């Protein structure tokens, strides 16, 4: 009886490995690269962030962007509609966006930020646009603003 047990265990193990391999192959063959990436659970009502393409972002927000800058490190377009105006900036790599945000922090303001893109405008408008393009609202600190200190008590 003990002679059959190792054979049964090996057979069971082999079947389990084959089943896992088959499932992995089915998943790999049926999913494209985008579907294979892990996704974070959705915690807000905003849609998944828009791709880093000015024309697509502008279309999602209901405008046709007027391209103002077309450089290697960024593209920038301006949208003007009855709702207001905003600037859409896209970047070829995340590092360029981070550098741009660090530079923008010197002026302060609120931006709607997604993967390799940022939108600048009035906070109320950005909140509306977020429902169309996703992303996160980021308030940048104005580095030039005077520091407010509490008044000293009078002696």
N, C-alpha and C. Protein backbone atom coordinates (compact mmCIF):
# COMPACT_ATOMS: atom_id res chain seq x y z
N UNK A 1 0.80 -1.18 0.00
CA UNK A 1 0.00 0.00 0.00
C UNK A 1 0.86 1.26 0.00
N UNK A 2 1.98 1.22 0.70
CA UNK A 2 2.84 2.39 0.71
C UNK A 2 3.46 2.63 -0.66
N UNK A 3 3.55 1.60 -1.49
CA UNK A 3 4.11 1.79 -2.83
C UNK A 3 3.19 2.63 -3.69
N UNK A 4 1.88 2.55 -3.46
CA UNK A 4 0.93 3.32 -4.26
C UNK A 4 0.83 4.77 -3.82
N UNK A 5 1.06 5.03 -2.56
CA UNK A 5 0.91 6.38 -2.03
C UNK A 5 1.85 7.39 -2.70
N UNK A 6 3.18 7.10 -2.84
CA UNK A 6 4.05 8.07 -3.51
C UNK A 6 3.59 8.31 -4.94
N UNK A 7 3.13 7.26 -5.63
CA UNK A 7 2.67 7.42 -7.00
C UNK A 7 1.43 8.32 -7.04
N UNK A 8 0.49 8.10 -6.11
CA UNK A 8 -0.71 8.92 -6.03
C UNK A 8 -0.36 10.36 -5.71
N UNK A 9 0.55 10.57 -4.77
CA UNK A 9 0.96 11.93 -4.40
C UNK A 9 1.62 12.62 -5.59
N UNK A 10 2.51 11.89 -6.29
CA UNK A 10 3.16 12.46 -7.47
C UNK A 10 2.14 12.78 -8.55
N UNK A 11 1.17 11.92 -8.76
CA UNK A 11 0.14 12.15 -9.77
C UNK A 11 -0.70 13.37 -9.42
N UNK A 12 -1.07 13.47 -8.15
CA UNK A 12 -1.86 14.62 -7.71
C UNK A 12 -1.07 15.91 -7.88
N UNK A 13 0.20 15.88 -7.50
CA UNK A 13 1.06 17.05 -7.63
C UNK A 13 1.22 17.43 -9.10
N UNK A 14 1.42 16.43 -9.96
CA UNK A 14 1.58 16.69 -11.38
C UNK A 14 0.31 17.31 -11.96
N UNK A 15 -0.85 16.79 -11.58
CA UNK A 15 -2.12 17.35 -12.06
C UNK A 15 -2.30 18.79 -11.58
N UNK A 16 -1.93 19.07 -10.34
CA UNK A 16 -2.05 20.43 -9.81
C UNK A 16 -1.14 21.39 -10.57
N UNK A 17 0.09 20.96 -10.84
CA UNK A 17 1.03 21.80 -11.59
C UNK A 17 0.51 22.04 -13.00
N UNK A 18 0.00 21.01 -13.65
CA UNK A 18 -0.54 21.17 -15.00
C UNK A 18 -1.75 22.10 -15.01
N UNK A 19 -2.60 21.99 -14.01
CA UNK A 19 -3.77 22.87 -13.93
C UNK A 19 -3.35 24.33 -13.75
N UNK A 20 -2.37 24.56 -12.87
CA UNK A 20 -1.87 25.92 -12.67
C UNK A 20 -1.22 26.46 -13.94
N UNK A 21 -0.43 25.63 -14.61
CA UNK A 21 0.23 26.06 -15.84
C UNK A 21 -0.81 26.39 -16.91
N UNK A 22 -1.84 25.56 -17.00
CA UNK A 22 -2.90 25.79 -17.97
C UNK A 22 -3.63 27.10 -17.67
N UNK A 23 -3.93 27.34 -16.40
CA UNK A 23 -4.61 28.59 -16.02
C UNK A 23 -3.73 29.79 -16.31
N UNK A 24 -2.44 29.66 -16.03
CA UNK A 24 -1.52 30.77 -16.29
C UNK A 24 -1.43 31.05 -17.78
N UNK A 25 -1.37 30.01 -18.60
CA UNK A 25 -1.30 30.19 -20.05
C UNK A 25 -2.58 30.81 -20.58
N UNK A 26 -3.72 30.39 -20.08
CA UNK A 26 -4.99 30.95 -20.51
C UNK A 26 -5.04 32.43 -20.18
N UNK A 27 -4.64 32.79 -18.97
CA UNK A 27 -4.64 34.19 -18.56
C UNK A 27 -3.65 34.99 -19.39
N UNK A 28 -2.46 34.47 -19.59
CA UNK A 28 -1.43 35.19 -20.34
C UNK A 28 -1.84 35.38 -21.79
N UNK A 29 -2.48 34.40 -22.37
CA UNK A 29 -2.86 34.49 -23.77
C UNK A 29 -4.10 35.34 -23.98
N UNK A 30 -4.94 35.47 -22.98
CA UNK A 30 -6.18 36.20 -23.18
C UNK A 30 -6.12 37.63 -22.69
N UNK A 31 -5.11 38.01 -21.94
CA UNK A 31 -5.03 39.37 -21.41
C UNK A 31 -3.96 40.14 -22.15
N UNK A 32 -4.28 41.40 -22.47
CA UNK A 32 -3.23 42.21 -23.06
C UNK A 32 -2.41 42.82 -21.94
N UNK A 33 -1.34 43.55 -22.30
CA UNK A 33 -0.42 44.08 -21.30
C UNK A 33 -1.12 44.96 -20.27
N UNK A 34 -2.05 45.79 -20.72
CA UNK A 34 -2.72 46.70 -19.81
C UNK A 34 -3.54 45.94 -18.77
N UNK A 35 -4.19 44.85 -19.19
CA UNK A 35 -5.01 44.08 -18.26
C UNK A 35 -4.16 43.30 -17.27
N UNK A 36 -2.91 43.02 -17.61
CA UNK A 36 -2.05 42.21 -16.76
C UNK A 36 -1.47 43.00 -15.59
N UNK A 37 -1.49 44.33 -15.68
CA UNK A 37 -0.95 45.13 -14.59
C UNK A 37 -1.89 45.10 -13.40
N UNK A 38 -1.32 45.08 -12.19
CA UNK A 38 -2.18 45.12 -11.01
C UNK A 38 -2.86 46.48 -10.92
N UNK A 39 -4.08 46.48 -10.43
CA UNK A 39 -4.80 47.73 -10.29
C UNK A 39 -5.17 47.94 -8.84
N UNK A 40 -5.14 49.19 -8.44
CA UNK A 40 -5.52 49.54 -7.07
C UNK A 40 -7.04 49.58 -6.99
N UNK A 41 -7.59 49.29 -5.85
CA UNK A 41 -9.04 49.38 -5.70
C UNK A 41 -9.50 50.82 -5.89
N UNK A 42 -10.66 50.99 -6.50
CA UNK A 42 -11.20 52.32 -6.75
C UNK A 42 -11.76 52.86 -5.44
N UNK A 43 -11.31 54.06 -5.07
CA UNK A 43 -11.77 54.64 -3.81
C UNK A 43 -12.53 55.93 -4.03
N UNK A 44 -12.73 56.34 -5.28
CA UNK A 44 -13.45 57.58 -5.51
C UNK A 44 -14.37 57.41 -6.71
N UNK A 45 -15.14 58.45 -6.98
CA UNK A 45 -16.05 58.39 -8.11
C UNK A 45 -15.38 58.78 -9.41
N UNK A 46 -14.13 59.23 -9.36
CA UNK A 46 -13.42 59.63 -10.57
C UNK A 46 -13.12 58.40 -11.42
N UNK A 47 -13.19 58.57 -12.75
CA UNK A 47 -12.85 57.44 -13.61
C UNK A 47 -11.36 57.16 -13.56
N UNK A 48 -10.95 56.07 -14.20
CA UNK A 48 -9.52 55.79 -14.30
C UNK A 48 -8.87 56.97 -15.01
N UNK A 49 -7.65 57.29 -14.63
CA UNK A 49 -6.98 58.45 -15.18
C UNK A 49 -6.80 58.34 -16.69
N UNK A 50 -6.97 59.47 -17.36
CA UNK A 50 -6.84 59.54 -18.81
C UNK A 50 -5.39 59.30 -19.23
N UNK A 51 -5.20 58.88 -20.49
CA UNK A 51 -3.84 58.69 -20.98
C UNK A 51 -3.14 60.04 -21.16
N UNK A 52 -1.81 60.01 -21.21
CA UNK A 52 -1.03 61.24 -21.33
C UNK A 52 -1.02 61.74 -22.77
N UNK A 53 -2.17 62.22 -23.24
CA UNK A 53 -2.32 62.72 -24.59
C UNK A 53 -3.23 63.94 -24.52
N UNK A 54 -2.70 65.11 -24.89
CA UNK A 54 -3.47 66.35 -24.78
C UNK A 54 -4.79 66.26 -25.53
N UNK A 55 -4.74 65.78 -26.74
CA UNK A 55 -5.95 65.73 -27.56
C UNK A 55 -7.02 64.85 -26.91
N UNK A 56 -6.63 63.70 -26.36
CA UNK A 56 -7.60 62.82 -25.70
C UNK A 56 -8.14 63.44 -24.42
N UNK A 57 -7.25 64.03 -23.63
CA UNK A 57 -7.68 64.67 -22.38
C UNK A 57 -8.63 65.83 -22.70
N UNK A 58 -8.26 66.64 -23.68
CA UNK A 58 -9.10 67.77 -24.06
C UNK A 58 -10.47 67.29 -24.52
N UNK A 59 -10.50 66.25 -25.34
CA UNK A 59 -11.77 65.71 -25.82
C UNK A 59 -12.63 65.23 -24.65
N UNK A 60 -12.02 64.57 -23.68
CA UNK A 60 -12.77 64.10 -22.51
C UNK A 60 -13.35 65.26 -21.70
N UNK A 61 -12.67 66.41 -21.73
CA UNK A 61 -13.15 67.57 -20.97
C UNK A 61 -14.06 68.46 -21.79
N UNK A 62 -14.28 68.12 -23.05
CA UNK A 62 -15.20 68.88 -23.88
C UNK A 62 -14.60 70.08 -24.57
N UNK A 63 -13.32 70.01 -24.91
CA UNK A 63 -12.72 71.14 -25.63
C UNK A 63 -11.75 70.63 -26.68
N UNK A 64 -11.33 71.53 -27.54
CA UNK A 64 -10.27 71.25 -28.49
C UNK A 64 -9.11 72.14 -28.08
N UNK A 65 -8.05 71.53 -27.58
CA UNK A 65 -6.92 72.29 -27.02
C UNK A 65 -6.15 73.02 -28.11
N UNK A 66 -5.77 74.25 -27.79
CA UNK A 66 -4.87 75.03 -28.64
C UNK A 66 -3.46 74.74 -28.13
N UNK A 67 -2.66 73.99 -28.92
CA UNK A 67 -1.31 73.60 -28.49
C UNK A 67 -0.42 74.83 -28.43
N UNK A 68 0.15 75.05 -27.26
CA UNK A 68 0.97 76.22 -27.00
C UNK A 68 2.45 75.87 -26.96
N UNK A 69 2.77 74.68 -26.47
CA UNK A 69 4.16 74.22 -26.38
C UNK A 69 4.23 72.78 -26.84
N UNK A 70 5.19 72.50 -27.71
CA UNK A 70 5.39 71.13 -28.18
C UNK A 70 6.89 70.85 -28.13
N UNK A 71 7.38 70.48 -26.96
CA UNK A 71 8.81 70.26 -26.74
C UNK A 71 9.06 68.80 -26.38
N UNK A 72 10.33 68.42 -26.33
CA UNK A 72 10.68 67.03 -26.00
C UNK A 72 10.23 66.64 -24.60
N UNK A 73 10.33 67.58 -23.63
CA UNK A 73 10.04 67.23 -22.24
C UNK A 73 8.59 67.49 -21.83
N UNK A 74 7.82 68.22 -22.66
CA UNK A 74 6.41 68.43 -22.34
C UNK A 74 5.66 68.96 -23.54
N UNK A 75 4.33 68.76 -23.52
CA UNK A 75 3.41 69.39 -24.47
C UNK A 75 2.38 70.11 -23.62
N UNK A 76 1.98 71.29 -24.08
CA UNK A 76 1.01 72.06 -23.31
C UNK A 76 -0.04 72.64 -24.26
N UNK A 77 -1.29 72.49 -23.85
CA UNK A 77 -2.39 73.03 -24.63
C UNK A 77 -3.35 73.79 -23.72
N UNK A 78 -4.05 74.74 -24.30
CA UNK A 78 -4.99 75.56 -23.54
C UNK A 78 -6.40 75.27 -24.03
N UNK A 79 -7.31 75.10 -23.07
CA UNK A 79 -8.72 74.90 -23.37
C UNK A 79 -9.49 76.12 -22.87
N UNK A 80 -10.35 76.65 -23.71
CA UNK A 80 -11.21 77.77 -23.31
C UNK A 80 -12.63 77.40 -23.74
N UNK A 81 -13.53 77.34 -22.75
CA UNK A 81 -14.93 77.03 -23.02
C UNK A 81 -15.80 77.96 -22.19
N UNK A 82 -17.10 77.80 -22.30
CA UNK A 82 -18.03 78.60 -21.50
C UNK A 82 -17.85 78.30 -20.01
N UNK A 83 -17.37 77.10 -19.66
CA UNK A 83 -17.15 76.74 -18.25
C UNK A 83 -15.94 77.43 -17.66
N UNK A 84 -15.00 77.84 -18.51
CA UNK A 84 -13.78 78.47 -18.03
C UNK A 84 -12.61 78.06 -18.90
N UNK A 85 -11.40 78.34 -18.41
CA UNK A 85 -10.21 77.95 -19.17
C UNK A 85 -9.29 77.14 -18.28
N UNK A 86 -8.53 76.25 -18.90
CA UNK A 86 -7.58 75.42 -18.18
C UNK A 86 -6.44 75.05 -19.12
N UNK A 87 -5.34 74.65 -18.53
CA UNK A 87 -4.15 74.26 -19.28
C UNK A 87 -3.90 72.77 -19.06
N UNK A 88 -3.68 72.05 -20.14
CA UNK A 88 -3.37 70.62 -20.08
C UNK A 88 -1.90 70.46 -20.46
N UNK A 89 -1.12 69.84 -19.59
CA UNK A 89 0.30 69.60 -19.85
C UNK A 89 0.56 68.11 -19.76
N UNK A 90 1.22 67.57 -20.78
CA UNK A 90 1.57 66.15 -20.78
C UNK A 90 3.09 66.00 -20.85
N UNK A 91 3.56 64.86 -20.38
CA UNK A 91 4.99 64.60 -20.26
C UNK A 91 5.32 63.21 -20.80
N UNK A 92 6.48 63.05 -21.46
CA UNK A 92 6.83 61.73 -21.99
C UNK A 92 7.22 60.73 -20.89
N UNK A 93 7.64 61.25 -19.74
CA UNK A 93 8.01 60.39 -18.61
C UNK A 93 7.55 61.03 -17.31
N UNK A 94 7.29 60.22 -16.33
CA UNK A 94 6.82 60.68 -15.02
C UNK A 94 7.82 61.64 -14.38
N UNK A 95 9.12 61.42 -14.59
CA UNK A 95 10.13 62.28 -13.96
C UNK A 95 10.01 63.73 -14.44
N UNK A 96 9.60 63.94 -15.69
CA UNK A 96 9.42 65.30 -16.19
C UNK A 96 8.23 65.97 -15.51
N UNK A 97 7.18 65.19 -15.26
CA UNK A 97 6.02 65.73 -14.55
C UNK A 97 6.41 66.14 -13.14
N UNK A 98 7.18 65.31 -12.46
CA UNK A 98 7.59 65.62 -11.09
C UNK A 98 8.43 66.90 -11.05
N UNK A 99 9.35 67.05 -11.99
CA UNK A 99 10.17 68.26 -12.05
C UNK A 99 9.29 69.48 -12.30
N UNK A 100 8.33 69.34 -13.20
CA UNK A 100 7.42 70.44 -13.52
C UNK A 100 6.59 70.83 -12.30
N UNK A 101 6.07 69.84 -11.57
CA UNK A 101 5.28 70.13 -10.37
C UNK A 101 6.14 70.81 -9.30
N UNK A 102 7.38 70.37 -9.16
CA UNK A 102 8.27 71.02 -8.19
C UNK A 102 8.50 72.47 -8.56
N UNK A 103 8.66 72.75 -9.84
CA UNK A 103 8.84 74.13 -10.30
C UNK A 103 7.55 74.93 -10.12
N UNK A 104 6.42 74.32 -10.41
CA UNK A 104 5.13 75.01 -10.27
C UNK A 104 4.83 75.34 -8.82
N UNK A 105 5.38 74.56 -7.89
CA UNK A 105 5.13 74.79 -6.46
C UNK A 105 5.59 76.18 -6.04
N UNK A 106 6.56 76.74 -6.73
CA UNK A 106 7.03 78.08 -6.37
C UNK A 106 5.93 79.13 -6.57
N UNK A 107 4.96 78.83 -7.43
CA UNK A 107 3.85 79.76 -7.68
C UNK A 107 2.58 79.37 -6.94
N UNK A 108 2.55 78.16 -6.42
CA UNK A 108 1.36 77.69 -5.72
C UNK A 108 0.27 77.30 -6.70
N UNK A 109 -0.91 77.07 -6.20
CA UNK A 109 -2.04 76.72 -7.05
C UNK A 109 -2.47 75.29 -6.86
N UNK A 110 -3.58 74.97 -7.49
CA UNK A 110 -4.13 73.62 -7.43
C UNK A 110 -4.09 73.03 -8.83
N UNK A 111 -3.72 71.77 -8.91
CA UNK A 111 -3.61 71.07 -10.18
C UNK A 111 -4.32 69.73 -10.09
N UNK A 112 -4.86 69.31 -11.21
CA UNK A 112 -5.42 67.98 -11.35
C UNK A 112 -4.31 67.16 -12.00
N UNK A 113 -3.86 66.11 -11.32
CA UNK A 113 -2.66 65.39 -11.75
C UNK A 113 -2.97 63.91 -12.00
N UNK A 114 -2.52 63.43 -13.14
CA UNK A 114 -2.65 62.02 -13.49
C UNK A 114 -1.31 61.48 -13.93
N UNK A 115 -1.30 60.25 -14.43
CA UNK A 115 -0.03 59.68 -14.88
C UNK A 115 0.49 60.41 -16.11
N UNK A 116 1.60 61.10 -15.95
CA UNK A 116 2.28 61.86 -17.00
C UNK A 116 1.47 63.02 -17.54
N UNK A 117 0.54 63.58 -16.74
CA UNK A 117 -0.17 64.78 -17.15
C UNK A 117 -0.60 65.59 -15.94
N UNK A 118 -0.86 66.89 -16.19
CA UNK A 118 -1.37 67.78 -15.15
C UNK A 118 -2.27 68.81 -15.84
N UNK A 119 -3.32 69.20 -15.14
CA UNK A 119 -4.23 70.23 -15.64
C UNK A 119 -4.25 71.35 -14.61
N UNK A 120 -4.05 72.57 -15.08
CA UNK A 120 -4.09 73.74 -14.21
C UNK A 120 -5.34 74.56 -14.49
N UNK A 121 -5.97 75.06 -13.44
CA UNK A 121 -7.17 75.87 -13.58
C UNK A 121 -7.72 76.18 -12.20
N UNK A 122 -8.91 76.77 -12.17
CA UNK A 122 -9.54 77.08 -10.89
C UNK A 122 -9.95 75.77 -10.21
N UNK A 123 -9.78 75.70 -8.88
CA UNK A 123 -10.09 74.46 -8.16
C UNK A 123 -11.50 73.91 -8.41
N UNK A 124 -12.50 74.79 -8.50
CA UNK A 124 -13.87 74.33 -8.73
C UNK A 124 -13.99 73.66 -10.09
N UNK A 125 -13.33 74.23 -11.08
CA UNK A 125 -13.35 73.67 -12.43
C UNK A 125 -12.59 72.35 -12.47
N UNK A 126 -11.46 72.29 -11.79
CA UNK A 126 -10.67 71.06 -11.75
C UNK A 126 -11.46 69.92 -11.13
N UNK A 127 -12.26 70.23 -10.11
CA UNK A 127 -13.09 69.20 -9.47
C UNK A 127 -14.09 68.64 -10.48
N UNK A 128 -14.65 69.50 -11.33
CA UNK A 128 -15.57 69.04 -12.37
C UNK A 128 -14.84 68.20 -13.42
N UNK A 129 -13.66 68.66 -13.83
CA UNK A 129 -12.89 67.94 -14.85
C UNK A 129 -12.46 66.56 -14.34
N UNK A 130 -12.22 66.46 -13.06
CA UNK A 130 -11.79 65.19 -12.46
C UNK A 130 -12.80 64.08 -12.73
N UNK A 131 -14.08 64.42 -12.77
CA UNK A 131 -15.10 63.40 -13.04
C UNK A 131 -15.02 62.88 -14.47
N UNK A 132 -14.35 63.63 -15.34
CA UNK A 132 -14.21 63.23 -16.75
C UNK A 132 -12.89 62.52 -17.03
N UNK A 133 -11.79 62.97 -16.38
CA UNK A 133 -10.46 62.45 -16.72
C UNK A 133 -9.77 61.70 -15.59
N UNK A 134 -10.35 61.69 -14.40
CA UNK A 134 -9.71 61.02 -13.27
C UNK A 134 -8.60 61.88 -12.69
N UNK A 135 -7.62 61.24 -12.10
CA UNK A 135 -6.51 61.97 -11.50
C UNK A 135 -6.80 62.39 -10.07
N UNK A 136 -5.86 63.12 -9.49
CA UNK A 136 -5.98 63.60 -8.12
C UNK A 136 -5.74 65.09 -8.06
N UNK A 137 -6.48 65.77 -7.21
CA UNK A 137 -6.26 67.20 -7.01
C UNK A 137 -5.08 67.39 -6.07
N UNK A 138 -4.14 68.24 -6.47
CA UNK A 138 -2.97 68.53 -5.64
C UNK A 138 -2.85 70.03 -5.48
N UNK A 139 -2.83 70.46 -4.23
CA UNK A 139 -2.62 71.88 -3.93
C UNK A 139 -1.14 72.08 -3.67
N UNK A 140 -0.52 72.92 -4.49
CA UNK A 140 0.91 73.19 -4.35
C UNK A 140 1.10 74.43 -3.50
N UNK A 141 2.06 74.39 -2.63
CA UNK A 141 2.33 75.50 -1.72
C UNK A 141 3.07 76.59 -2.47
N UNK A 142 2.64 77.83 -2.29
CA UNK A 142 3.30 78.99 -2.89
C UNK A 142 4.55 79.28 -2.08
N UNK A 143 5.71 79.04 -2.67
CA UNK A 143 6.98 79.23 -1.97
C UNK A 143 7.30 80.71 -1.74
N UNK A 144 6.66 81.60 -2.51
CA UNK A 144 6.92 83.03 -2.37
C UNK A 144 5.98 83.72 -1.40
N UNK A 145 4.98 82.99 -0.93
CA UNK A 145 4.01 83.60 -0.01
C UNK A 145 4.69 83.91 1.31
N UNK A 146 4.36 85.07 1.88
CA UNK A 146 4.96 85.39 3.18
C UNK A 146 4.46 84.42 4.24
N UNK A 147 5.34 84.08 5.15
CA UNK A 147 4.93 83.22 6.25
C UNK A 147 4.08 84.03 7.21
N UNK A 148 2.99 83.46 7.60
CA UNK A 148 2.11 84.14 8.55
C UNK A 148 2.44 83.59 9.93
N UNK A 149 2.81 84.48 10.80
CA UNK A 149 3.11 84.07 12.17
C UNK A 149 2.11 84.72 13.09
N UNK A 150 1.77 84.06 14.16
CA UNK A 150 0.81 84.65 15.09
C UNK A 150 1.39 85.92 15.70
N UNK A 151 0.52 86.88 15.91
CA UNK A 151 0.97 88.15 16.52
C UNK A 151 1.40 87.89 17.95
N UNK A 152 2.46 88.58 18.36
CA UNK A 152 2.90 88.42 19.76
C UNK A 152 1.97 89.21 20.67
N UNK A 153 1.75 88.67 21.84
CA UNK A 153 0.88 89.38 22.78
C UNK A 153 1.56 90.68 23.22
N UNK A 154 0.76 91.68 23.44
CA UNK A 154 1.29 92.97 23.90
C UNK A 154 1.76 92.85 25.34
N UNK A 155 2.89 93.53 25.67
CA UNK A 155 3.36 93.47 27.07
C UNK A 155 2.47 94.22 28.00
